[in-house]
Amino acid sequence: MLFIDASHDYQQGSNQNYLGDDDRVEILRTYHQRENIAKYAYLATREEIAANDYNLNIPRYLDTFEQEEQIDLAAVNASIVALRTQLSELEGQMQTYLKELGLDG
């Protein structure tokens, strides 16, 4: 049995989602070639299906997990510090302009 995970290959519609022409072509090509494609298609044997108690859930046969990108917290923190410094400088400039206009309150 061939498992194909095309859950990411759709276009959002107003009332319901739909597959585009290219998506349908890719699904049919994969079906006809009956080949394993990482994170997209897996050709399971009858023995594998029996070993899984005939459970046909796609995740049992096809690993679709995507590793999340690691966040560089040091870089994020450095960016926050730089933005705070820039904000402080801009607020200082704004106060200077307000004083020049006599609106320093």
PDB file of N, CA and C in Angstrom:
ATOM      1  N   MET A   1       0.843  -1.166   0.000  1.00  0.00           N
ATOM      2  CA  MET A   1       0.000   0.000   0.000  1.00  0.00           C
ATOM      3  C   MET A   1       0.897   1.241   0.000  1.00  0.00           C
ATOM      4  N   LEU A   2       0.551   2.190  -0.852  1.00  0.00           N
ATOM      5  CA  LEU A   2       1.314   3.420  -0.963  1.00  0.00           C
ATOM      6  C   LEU A   2       0.636   4.510  -0.140  1.00  0.00           C
ATOM      7  N   PHE A   3       1.407   5.106   0.767  1.00  0.00           N
ATOM      8  CA  PHE A   3       0.926   6.225   1.576  1.00  0.00           C
ATOM      9  C   PHE A   3       1.525   7.500   1.003  1.00  0.00           C
ATOM     10  N   ILE A   4       0.683   8.472   0.714  1.00  0.00           N
ATOM     11  CA  ILE A   4       1.127   9.766   0.204  1.00  0.00           C
ATOM     12  C   ILE A   4       0.588  10.838   1.148  1.00  0.00           C
ATOM     13  N   ASP A   5       1.476  11.672   1.631  1.00  0.00           N
ATOM     14  CA  ASP A   5       1.059  12.772   2.501  1.00  0.00           C
ATOM     15  C   ASP A   5       1.118  14.068   1.702  1.00  0.00           C
ATOM     16  N   ALA A   6      -0.022  14.458   1.159  1.00  0.00           N
ATOM     17  CA  ALA A   6      -0.115  15.690   0.378  1.00  0.00           C
ATOM     18  C   ALA A   6      -0.808  16.780   1.195  1.00  0.00           C
ATOM     19  N   SER A   7      -0.723  16.669   2.509  1.00  0.00           N
ATOM     20  CA  SER A   7      -1.437  17.607   3.381  1.00  0.00           C
ATOM     21  C   SER A   7      -0.897  19.028   3.301  1.00  0.00           C
ATOM     22  N   HIS A   8       0.298  19.193   2.750  1.00  0.00           N
ATOM     23  CA  HIS A   8       0.850  20.536   2.616  1.00  0.00           C
ATOM     24  C   HIS A   8       0.677  21.077   1.197  1.00  0.00           C
ATOM     25  N   ASP A   9       0.099  20.272   0.326  1.00  0.00           N
ATOM     26  CA  ASP A   9      -0.011  20.634  -1.088  1.00  0.00           C
ATOM     27  C   ASP A   9      -1.429  21.060  -1.440  1.00  0.00           C
ATOM     28  N   TYR A  10      -1.887  22.132  -0.854  1.00  0.00           N
ATOM     29  CA  TYR A  10      -3.212  22.612  -1.197  1.00  0.00           C
ATOM     30  C   TYR A  10      -3.226  24.130  -1.193  1.00  0.00           C
ATOM     31  N   GLN A  11      -4.227  24.662  -1.839  1.00  0.00           N
ATOM     32  CA  GLN A  11      -4.440  26.107  -1.879  1.00  0.00           C
ATOM     33  C   GLN A  11      -5.645  26.397  -0.988  1.00  0.00           C
ATOM     34  N   GLN A  12      -5.614  27.523  -0.306  1.00  0.00           N
ATOM     35  CA  GLN A  12      -6.750  27.872   0.532  1.00  0.00           C
ATOM     36  C   GLN A  12      -7.828  28.503  -0.325  1.00  0.00           C
ATOM     37  N   GLY A  13      -9.045  28.018  -0.146  1.00  0.00           N
ATOM     38  CA  GLY A  13     -10.188  28.561  -0.865  1.00  0.00           C
ATOM     39  C   GLY A  13     -11.102  29.296   0.091  1.00  0.00           C
ATOM     40  N   SER A  14     -12.127  29.918  -0.447  1.00  0.00           N
ATOM     41  CA  SER A  14     -13.033  30.686   0.405  1.00  0.00           C
ATOM     42  C   SER A  14     -13.891  29.773   1.266  1.00  0.00           C
ATOM     43  N   ASN A  15     -14.466  28.733   0.699  1.00  0.00           N
ATOM     44  CA  ASN A  15     -15.302  27.809   1.473  1.00  0.00           C
ATOM     45  C   ASN A  15     -14.583  26.518   1.817  1.00  0.00           C
ATOM     46  N   GLN A  16     -13.680  26.113   0.959  1.00  0.00           N
ATOM     47  CA  GLN A  16     -12.911  24.898   1.221  1.00  0.00           C
ATOM     48  C   GLN A  16     -11.590  24.971   0.467  1.00  0.00           C
ATOM     49  N   ASN A  17     -10.635  24.190   0.926  1.00  0.00           N
ATOM     50  CA  ASN A  17      -9.318  24.152   0.291  1.00  0.00           C
ATOM     51  C   ASN A  17      -9.386  23.269  -0.951  1.00  0.00           C
ATOM     52  N   TYR A  18      -8.400  23.440  -1.825  1.00  0.00           N
ATOM     53  CA  TYR A  18      -8.386  22.636  -3.050  1.00  0.00           C
ATOM     54  C   TYR A  18      -6.948  22.369  -3.475  1.00  0.00           C
ATOM     55  N   LEU A  19      -6.783  21.338  -4.272  1.00  0.00           N
ATOM     56  CA  LEU A  19      -5.480  20.996  -4.839  1.00  0.00           C
ATOM     57  C   LEU A  19      -5.332  21.691  -6.183  1.00  0.00           C
ATOM     58  N   GLY A  20      -4.176  22.278  -6.403  1.00  0.00           N
ATOM     59  CA  GLY A  20      -3.897  22.890  -7.698  1.00  0.00           C
ATOM     60  C   GLY A  20      -3.513  21.831  -8.717  1.00  0.00           C
ATOM     61  N   ASP A  21      -3.427  22.208  -9.962  1.00  0.00           N
ATOM     62  CA  ASP A  21      -3.096  21.272 -11.031  1.00  0.00           C
ATOM     63  C   ASP A  21      -1.736  20.609 -10.795  1.00  0.00           C
ATOM     64  N   ASP A  22      -0.732  21.414 -10.419  1.00  0.00           N
ATOM     65  CA  ASP A  22       0.609  20.862 -10.177  1.00  0.00           C
ATOM     66  C   ASP A  22       0.593  19.862  -9.029  1.00  0.00           C
ATOM     67  N   ASP A  23      -0.202  20.140  -8.000  1.00  0.00           N
ATOM     68  CA  ASP A  23      -0.292  19.235  -6.855  1.00  0.00           C
ATOM     69  C   ASP A  23      -0.906  17.899  -7.264  1.00  0.00           C
ATOM     70  N   ARG A  24      -1.959  17.959  -8.059  1.00  0.00           N
ATOM     71  CA  ARG A  24      -2.609  16.723  -8.521  1.00  0.00           C
ATOM     72  C   ARG A  24      -1.658  15.916  -9.404  1.00  0.00           C
ATOM     73  N   VAL A  25      -0.920  16.600 -10.262  1.00  0.00           N
ATOM     74  CA  VAL A  25       0.040  15.917 -11.140  1.00  0.00           C
ATOM     75  C   VAL A  25       1.101  15.219 -10.301  1.00  0.00           C
ATOM     76  N   GLU A  26       1.612  15.894  -9.263  1.00  0.00           N
ATOM     77  CA  GLU A  26       2.635  15.302  -8.398  1.00  0.00           C
ATOM     78  C   GLU A  26       2.095  14.078  -7.655  1.00  0.00           C
ATOM     79  N   ILE A  27       0.871  14.158  -7.168  1.00  0.00           N
ATOM     80  CA  ILE A  27       0.255  13.014  -6.479  1.00  0.00           C
ATOM     81  C   ILE A  27       0.121  11.838  -7.441  1.00  0.00           C
ATOM     82  N   LEU A  28      -0.374  12.078  -8.636  1.00  0.00           N
ATOM     83  CA  LEU A  28      -0.546  10.997  -9.620  1.00  0.00           C
ATOM     84  C   LEU A  28       0.795  10.420 -10.058  1.00  0.00           C
ATOM     85  N   ARG A  29       1.803  11.280 -10.258  1.00  0.00           N
ATOM     86  CA  ARG A  29       3.132  10.793 -10.640  1.00  0.00           C
ATOM     87  C   ARG A  29       3.685   9.879  -9.553  1.00  0.00           C
ATOM     88  N   THR A  30       3.552  10.313  -8.316  1.00  0.00           N
ATOM     89  CA  THR A  30       4.038   9.512  -7.183  1.00  0.00           C
ATOM     90  C   THR A  30       3.279   8.193  -7.101  1.00  0.00           C
ATOM     91  N   TYR A  31       1.975   8.236  -7.300  1.00  0.00           N
ATOM     92  CA  TYR A  31       1.153   7.024  -7.256  1.00  0.00           C
ATOM     93  C   TYR A  31       1.579   6.035  -8.338  1.00  0.00           C
ATOM     94  N   HIS A  32       1.798   6.525  -9.545  1.00  0.00           N
ATOM     95  CA  HIS A  32       2.165   5.636 -10.653  1.00  0.00           C
ATOM     96  C   HIS A  32       3.582   5.084 -10.501  1.00  0.00           C
ATOM     97  N   GLN A  33       4.496   5.860  -9.967  1.00  0.00           N
ATOM     98  CA  GLN A  33       5.877   5.391  -9.809  1.00  0.00           C
ATOM     99  C   GLN A  33       6.042   4.508  -8.575  1.00  0.00           C
ATOM    100  N   ARG A  34       5.121   4.633  -7.629  1.00  0.00           N
ATOM    101  CA  ARG A  34       5.112   3.796  -6.416  1.00  0.00           C
ATOM    102  C   ARG A  34       6.495   3.730  -5.771  1.00  0.00           C
ATOM    103  N   GLU A  35       7.034   4.900  -5.477  1.00  0.00           N
ATOM    104  CA  GLU A  35       8.371   4.980  -4.890  1.00  0.00           C
ATOM    105  C   GLU A  35       8.318   5.713  -3.554  1.00  0.00           C
ATOM    106  N   ASN A  36       9.322   5.435  -2.729  1.00  0.00           N
ATOM    107  CA  ASN A  36       9.449   6.140  -1.461  1.00  0.00           C
ATOM    108  C   ASN A  36      10.064   7.513  -1.725  1.00  0.00           C
ATOM    109  N   ILE A  37       9.453   8.534  -1.145  1.00  0.00           N
ATOM    110  CA  ILE A  37       9.971   9.898  -1.208  1.00  0.00           C
ATOM    111  C   ILE A  37       9.936  10.424   0.221  1.00  0.00           C
ATOM    112  N   ALA A  38      11.099  10.804   0.721  1.00  0.00           N
ATOM    113  CA  ALA A  38      11.205  11.238   2.110  1.00  0.00           C
ATOM    114  C   ALA A  38      10.159  12.308   2.430  1.00  0.00           C
ATOM    115  N   LYS A  39       9.443  12.089   3.528  1.00  0.00           N
ATOM    116  CA  LYS A  39       8.446  13.018   4.061  1.00  0.00           C
ATOM    117  C   LYS A  39       7.262  13.246   3.129  1.00  0.00           C
ATOM    118  N   TYR A  40       7.109  12.416   2.096  1.00  0.00           N
ATOM    119  CA  TYR A  40       6.000  12.595   1.152  1.00  0.00           C
ATOM    120  C   TYR A  40       5.280  11.286   0.825  1.00  0.00           C
ATOM    121  N   ALA A  41       6.034  10.229   0.535  1.00  0.00           N
ATOM    122  CA  ALA A  41       5.399   8.971   0.120  1.00  0.00           C
ATOM    123  C   ALA A  41       6.177   7.774   0.663  1.00  0.00           C
ATOM    124  N   TYR A  42       5.422   6.710   1.007  1.00  0.00           N
ATOM    125  CA  TYR A  42       6.055   5.489   1.502  1.00  0.00           C
ATOM    126  C   TYR A  42       5.259   4.284   1.016  1.00  0.00           C
ATOM    127  N   LEU A  43       5.972   3.324   0.447  1.00  0.00           N
ATOM    128  CA  LEU A  43       5.358   2.092  -0.037  1.00  0.00           C
ATOM    129  C   LEU A  43       5.533   1.021   1.032  1.00  0.00           C
ATOM    130  N   ALA A  44       4.453   0.736   1.757  1.00  0.00           N
ATOM    131  CA  ALA A  44       4.500  -0.222   2.858  1.00  0.00           C
ATOM    132  C   ALA A  44       4.157  -1.623   2.356  1.00  0.00           C
ATOM    133  N   THR A  45       4.790  -2.609   2.957  1.00  0.00           N
ATOM    134  CA  THR A  45       4.484  -4.005   2.631  1.00  0.00           C
ATOM    135  C   THR A  45       3.289  -4.473   3.465  1.00  0.00           C
ATOM    136  N   ARG A  46       2.687  -5.575   3.039  1.00  0.00           N
ATOM    137  CA  ARG A  46       1.577  -6.151   3.814  1.00  0.00           C
ATOM    138  C   ARG A  46       2.038  -6.544   5.211  1.00  0.00           C
ATOM    139  N   GLU A  47       3.284  -6.991   5.293  1.00  0.00           N
ATOM    140  CA  GLU A  47       3.827  -7.395   6.592  1.00  0.00           C
ATOM    141  C   GLU A  47       3.927  -6.194   7.547  1.00  0.00           C
ATOM    142  N   GLU A  48       4.362  -5.046   7.012  1.00  0.00           N
ATOM    143  CA  GLU A  48       4.450  -3.836   7.842  1.00  0.00           C
ATOM    144  C   GLU A  48       3.066  -3.417   8.334  1.00  0.00           C
ATOM    145  N   ILE A  49       2.092  -3.483   7.452  1.00  0.00           N
ATOM    146  CA  ILE A  49       0.730  -3.093   7.827  1.00  0.00           C
ATOM    147  C   ILE A  49       0.182  -4.057   8.882  1.00  0.00           C
ATOM    148  N   ALA A  50       0.435  -5.344   8.709  1.00  0.00           N
ATOM    149  CA  ALA A  50      -0.001  -6.333   9.702  1.00  0.00           C
ATOM    150  C   ALA A  50       0.699  -6.098  11.034  1.00  0.00           C
ATOM    151  N   ALA A  51       1.995  -5.778  10.999  1.00  0.00           N
ATOM    152  CA  ALA A  51       2.745  -5.521  12.228  1.00  0.00           C
ATOM    153  C   ALA A  51       2.207  -4.295  12.966  1.00  0.00           C
ATOM    154  N   ASN A  52       1.563  -3.397  12.247  1.00  0.00           N
ATOM    155  CA  ASN A  52       0.951  -2.217  12.850  1.00  0.00           C
ATOM    156  C   ASN A  52      -0.531  -2.429  13.119  1.00  0.00           C
ATOM    157  N   ASP A  53      -0.940  -3.692  13.248  1.00  0.00           N
ATOM    158  CA  ASP A  53      -2.336  -4.060  13.533  1.00  0.00           C
ATOM    159  C   ASP A  53      -3.304  -3.444  12.525  1.00  0.00           C
ATOM    160  N   TYR A  54      -2.871  -3.372  11.281  1.00  0.00           N
ATOM    161  CA  TYR A  54      -3.671  -2.857  10.170  1.00  0.00           C
ATOM    162  C   TYR A  54      -4.117  -1.401  10.383  1.00  0.00           C
ATOM    163  N   ASN A  55      -3.360  -0.686  11.180  1.00  0.00           N
ATOM    164  CA  ASN A  55      -3.603   0.741  11.393  1.00  0.00           C
ATOM    165  C   ASN A  55      -3.059   1.484  10.172  1.00  0.00           C
ATOM    166  N   LEU A  56      -3.901   2.229   9.488  1.00  0.00           N
ATOM    167  CA  LEU A  56      -3.510   2.899   8.251  1.00  0.00           C
ATOM    168  C   LEU A  56      -3.235   4.387   8.434  1.00  0.00           C
ATOM    169  N   ASN A  57      -2.971   4.807   9.661  1.00  0.00           N
ATOM    170  CA  ASN A  57      -2.597   6.198   9.915  1.00  0.00           C
ATOM    171  C   ASN A  57      -1.272   6.499   9.225  1.00  0.00           C
ATOM    172  N   ILE A  58      -1.241   7.563   8.454  1.00  0.00           N
ATOM    173  CA  ILE A  58      -0.040   7.919   7.695  1.00  0.00           C
ATOM    174  C   ILE A  58       1.197   8.039   8.583  1.00  0.00           C
ATOM    175  N   PRO A  59       1.119   8.685   9.764  1.00  0.00           N
ATOM    176  CA  PRO A  59       2.331   8.827  10.592  1.00  0.00           C
ATOM    177  C   PRO A  59       2.955   7.493  11.036  1.00  0.00           C
ATOM    178  N   ARG A  60       2.199   6.410  10.979  1.00  0.00           N
ATOM    179  CA  ARG A  60       2.783   5.098  11.302  1.00  0.00           C
ATOM    180  C   ARG A  60       3.819   4.663  10.275  1.00  0.00           C
ATOM    181  N   TYR A  61       3.693   5.167   9.073  1.00  0.00           N
ATOM    182  CA  TYR A  61       4.546   4.704   7.982  1.00  0.00           C
ATOM    183  C   TYR A  61       5.435   5.807   7.398  1.00  0.00           C
ATOM    184  N   LEU A  62       5.028   7.042   7.568  1.00  0.00           N
ATOM    185  CA  LEU A  62       5.699   8.150   6.908  1.00  0.00           C
ATOM    186  C   LEU A  62       6.053   9.209   7.946  1.00  0.00           C
ATOM    187  N   ASP A  63       7.345   9.447   8.118  1.00  0.00           N
ATOM    188  CA  ASP A  63       7.808  10.453   9.060  1.00  0.00           C
ATOM    189  C   ASP A  63       7.705  11.817   8.409  1.00  0.00           C
ATOM    190  N   THR A  64       6.759  12.634   8.893  1.00  0.00           N
ATOM    191  CA  THR A  64       6.564  13.970   8.327  1.00  0.00           C
ATOM    192  C   THR A  64       7.044  15.059   9.278  1.00  0.00           C
ATOM    193  N   PHE A  65       7.730  14.662  10.341  1.00  0.00           N
ATOM    194  CA  PHE A  65       8.186  15.627  11.345  1.00  0.00           C
ATOM    195  C   PHE A  65       9.233  16.558  10.743  1.00  0.00           C
ATOM    196  N   GLU A  66       9.037  17.844  10.951  1.00  0.00           N
ATOM    197  CA  GLU A  66       9.986  18.855  10.494  1.00  0.00           C
ATOM    198  C   GLU A  66      10.678  19.437  11.724  1.00  0.00           C
ATOM    199  N   GLN A  67      11.980  19.364  11.744  1.00  0.00           N
ATOM    200  CA  GLN A  67      12.759  19.924  12.851  1.00  0.00           C
ATOM    201  C   GLN A  67      12.583  21.435  12.866  1.00  0.00           C
ATOM    202  N   GLU A  68      12.250  21.973  14.033  1.00  0.00           N
ATOM    203  CA  GLU A  68      12.109  23.421  14.133  1.00  0.00           C
ATOM    204  C   GLU A  68      13.472  24.081  14.134  1.00  0.00           C
ATOM    205  N   GLU A  69      13.514  25.248  13.516  1.00  0.00           N
ATOM    206  CA  GLU A  69      14.757  25.995  13.448  1.00  0.00           C
ATOM    207  C   GLU A  69      15.131  26.485  14.845  1.00  0.00           C
ATOM    208  N   GLN A  70      16.401  26.302  15.201  1.00  0.00           N
ATOM    209  CA  GLN A  70      16.887  26.752  16.503  1.00  0.00           C
ATOM    210  C   GLN A  70      16.968  28.272  16.524  1.00  0.00           C
ATOM    211  N   ILE A  71      16.557  28.849  17.637  1.00  0.00           N
ATOM    212  CA  ILE A  71      16.605  30.299  17.797  1.00  0.00           C
ATOM    213  C   ILE A  71      17.880  30.661  18.530  1.00  0.00           C
ATOM    214  N   ASP A  72      18.636  31.582  17.961  1.00  0.00           N
ATOM    215  CA  ASP A  72      19.869  32.058  18.576  1.00  0.00           C
ATOM    216  C   ASP A  72      19.498  33.145  19.577  1.00  0.00           C
ATOM    217  N   LEU A  73      19.330  32.742  20.840  1.00  0.00           N
ATOM    218  CA  LEU A  73      18.882  33.669  21.863  1.00  0.00           C
ATOM    219  C   LEU A  73      19.875  34.797  22.100  1.00  0.00           C
ATOM    220  N   ALA A  74      21.154  34.527  21.965  1.00  0.00           N
ATOM    221  CA  ALA A  74      22.160  35.577  22.133  1.00  0.00           C
ATOM    222  C   ALA A  74      21.984  36.650  21.060  1.00  0.00           C
ATOM    223  N   ALA A  75      21.716  36.243  19.833  1.00  0.00           N
ATOM    224  CA  ALA A  75      21.515  37.201  18.745  1.00  0.00           C
ATOM    225  C   ALA A  75      20.226  37.989  18.953  1.00  0.00           C
ATOM    226  N   VAL A  76      19.174  37.309  19.419  1.00  0.00           N
ATOM    227  CA  VAL A  76      17.914  37.993  19.684  1.00  0.00           C
ATOM    228  C   VAL A  76      18.112  39.034  20.786  1.00  0.00           C
ATOM    229  N   ASN A  77      18.815  38.645  21.854  1.00  0.00           N
ATOM    230  CA  ASN A  77      19.073  39.566  22.954  1.00  0.00           C
ATOM    231  C   ASN A  77      19.907  40.761  22.480  1.00  0.00           C
ATOM    232  N   ALA A  78      20.927  40.525  21.668  1.00  0.00           N
ATOM    233  CA  ALA A  78      21.757  41.609  21.141  1.00  0.00           C
ATOM    234  C   ALA A  78      20.909  42.567  20.298  1.00  0.00           C
ATOM    235  N   SER A  79      19.981  42.008  19.533  1.00  0.00           N
ATOM    236  CA  SER A  79      19.092  42.835  18.719  1.00  0.00           C
ATOM    237  C   SER A  79      18.188  43.693  19.597  1.00  0.00           C
ATOM    238  N   ILE A  80      17.677  43.116  20.671  1.00  0.00           N
ATOM    239  CA  ILE A  80      16.823  43.877  21.602  1.00  0.00           C
ATOM    240  C   ILE A  80      17.615  45.016  22.236  1.00  0.00           C
ATOM    241  N   VAL A  81      18.832  44.731  22.663  1.00  0.00           N
ATOM    242  CA  VAL A  81      19.679  45.766  23.266  1.00  0.00           C
ATOM    243  C   VAL A  81      19.939  46.885  22.264  1.00  0.00           C
ATOM    244  N   ALA A  82      20.239  46.535  21.015  1.00  0.00           N
ATOM    245  CA  ALA A  82      20.503  47.543  19.982  1.00  0.00           C
ATOM    246  C   ALA A  82      19.259  48.380  19.716  1.00  0.00           C
ATOM    247  N   LEU A  83      18.093  47.746  19.684  1.00  0.00           N
ATOM    248  CA  LEU A  83      16.850  48.481  19.453  1.00  0.00           C
ATOM    249  C   LEU A  83      16.537  49.424  20.614  1.00  0.00           C
ATOM    250  N   ARG A  84      16.789  48.955  21.835  1.00  0.00           N
ATOM    251  CA  ARG A  84      16.563  49.825  22.993  1.00  0.00           C
ATOM    252  C   ARG A  84      17.489  51.039  22.955  1.00  0.00           C
ATOM    253  N   THR A  85      18.740  50.835  22.562  1.00  0.00           N
ATOM    254  CA  THR A  85      19.699  51.939  22.451  1.00  0.00           C
ATOM    255  C   THR A  85      19.227  52.929  21.395  1.00  0.00           C
ATOM    256  N   GLN A  86      18.806  52.414  20.252  1.00  0.00           N
ATOM    257  CA  GLN A  86      18.317  53.265  19.168  1.00  0.00           C
ATOM    258  C   GLN A  86      17.074  54.038  19.610  1.00  0.00           C
ATOM    259  N   LEU A  87      16.162  53.384  20.334  1.00  0.00           N
ATOM    260  CA  LEU A  87      14.962  54.044  20.832  1.00  0.00           C
ATOM    261  C   LEU A  87      15.319  55.178  21.787  1.00  0.00           C
ATOM    262  N   SER A  88      16.260  54.902  22.660  1.00  0.00           N
ATOM    263  CA  SER A  88      16.691  55.924  23.609  1.00  0.00           C
ATOM    264  C   SER A  88      17.266  57.145  22.879  1.00  0.00           C
ATOM    265  N   GLU A  89      18.077  56.899  21.851  1.00  0.00           N
ATOM    266  CA  GLU A  89      18.649  58.001  21.072  1.00  0.00           C
ATOM    267  C   GLU A  89      17.560  58.804  20.369  1.00  0.00           C
ATOM    268  N   LEU A  90      16.588  58.119  19.812  1.00  0.00           N
ATOM    269  CA  LEU A  90      15.498  58.800  19.111  1.00  0.00           C
ATOM    270  C   LEU A  90      14.628  59.607  20.078  1.00  0.00           C
ATOM    271  N   GLU A  91      14.391  59.048  21.260  1.00  0.00           N
ATOM    272  CA  GLU A  91      13.622  59.794  22.260  1.00  0.00           C
ATOM    273  C   GLU A  91      14.371  61.054  22.675  1.00  0.00           C
ATOM    274  N   GLY A  92      15.702  60.970  22.789  1.00  0.00           N
ATOM    275  CA  GLY A  92      16.518  62.148  23.102  1.00  0.00           C
ATOM    276  C   GLY A  92      16.402  63.209  22.029  1.00  0.00           C
ATOM    277  N   GLN A  93      16.461  62.787  20.765  1.00  0.00           N
ATOM    278  CA  GLN A  93      16.310  63.716  19.643  1.00  0.00           C
ATOM    279  C   GLN A  93      14.924  64.355  19.670  1.00  0.00           C
ATOM    280  N   MET A  94      13.910  63.543  19.974  1.00  0.00           N
ATOM    281  CA  MET A  94      12.552  64.059  20.015  1.00  0.00           C
ATOM    282  C   MET A  94      12.417  65.126  21.114  1.00  0.00           C
ATOM    283  N   GLN A  95      13.021  64.881  22.266  1.00  0.00           N
ATOM    284  CA  GLN A  95      12.973  65.866  23.351  1.00  0.00           C
ATOM    285  C   GLN A  95      13.661  67.176  22.941  1.00  0.00           C
ATOM    286  N   THR A  96      14.761  67.072  22.214  1.00  0.00           N
ATOM    287  CA  THR A  96      15.466  68.261  21.722  1.00  0.00           C
ATOM    288  C   THR A  96      14.556  69.056  20.793  1.00  0.00           C
ATOM    289  N   TYR A  97      13.871  68.375  19.882  1.00  0.00           N
ATOM    290  CA  TYR A  97      12.969  69.046  18.947  1.00  0.00           C
ATOM    291  C   TYR A  97      11.801  69.702  19.689  1.00  0.00           C
ATOM    292  N   LEU A  98      11.275  69.005  20.697  1.00  0.00           N
ATOM    293  CA  LEU A  98      10.163  69.559  21.466  1.00  0.00           C
ATOM    294  C   LEU A  98      10.591  70.821  22.216  1.00  0.00           C
ATOM    295  N   LYS A  99      11.812  70.804  22.757  1.00  0.00           N
ATOM    296  CA  LYS A  99      12.330  71.994  23.451  1.00  0.00           C
ATOM    297  C   LYS A  99      12.468  73.168  22.479  1.00  0.00           C
ATOM    298  N   GLU A 100      12.975  72.874  21.273  1.00  0.00           N
ATOM    299  CA  GLU A 100      13.120  73.931  20.257  1.00  0.00           C
ATOM    300  C   GLU A 100      11.780  74.536  19.890  1.00  0.00           C
ATOM    301  N   LEU A 101      10.730  73.714  19.955  1.00  0.00           N
ATOM    302  CA  LEU A 101       9.384  74.213  19.617  1.00  0.00           C
ATOM    303  C   LEU A 101       8.662  74.804  20.838  1.00  0.00           C
ATOM    304  N   GLY A 102       9.337  74.716  21.978  1.00  0.00           N
ATOM    305  CA  GLY A 102       8.733  75.233  23.195  1.00  0.00           C
ATOM    306  C   GLY A 102       7.649  74.329  23.754  1.00  0.00           C
ATOM    307  N   LEU A 103       7.740  73.062  23.438  1.00  0.00           N
ATOM    308  CA  LEU A 103       6.727  72.088  23.887  1.00  0.00           C
ATOM    309  C   LEU A 103       7.316  71.058  24.831  1.00  0.00           C
ATOM    310  N   ASP A 104       8.291  71.452  25.638  1.00  0.00           N
ATOM    311  CA  ASP A 104       8.987  70.482  26.491  1.00  0.00           C
ATOM    312  C   ASP A 104       8.256  70.216  27.795  1.00  0.00           C
ATOM    313  N   GLY A 105       7.121  70.684  27.946  1.00  0.00           N
ATOM    314  CA  GLY A 105       6.180  70.451  28.906  1.00  0.00           C
ATOM    315  C   GLY A 105       6.233  70.488  30.296  1.00  0.00           C
TER     316      GLY A 105
END
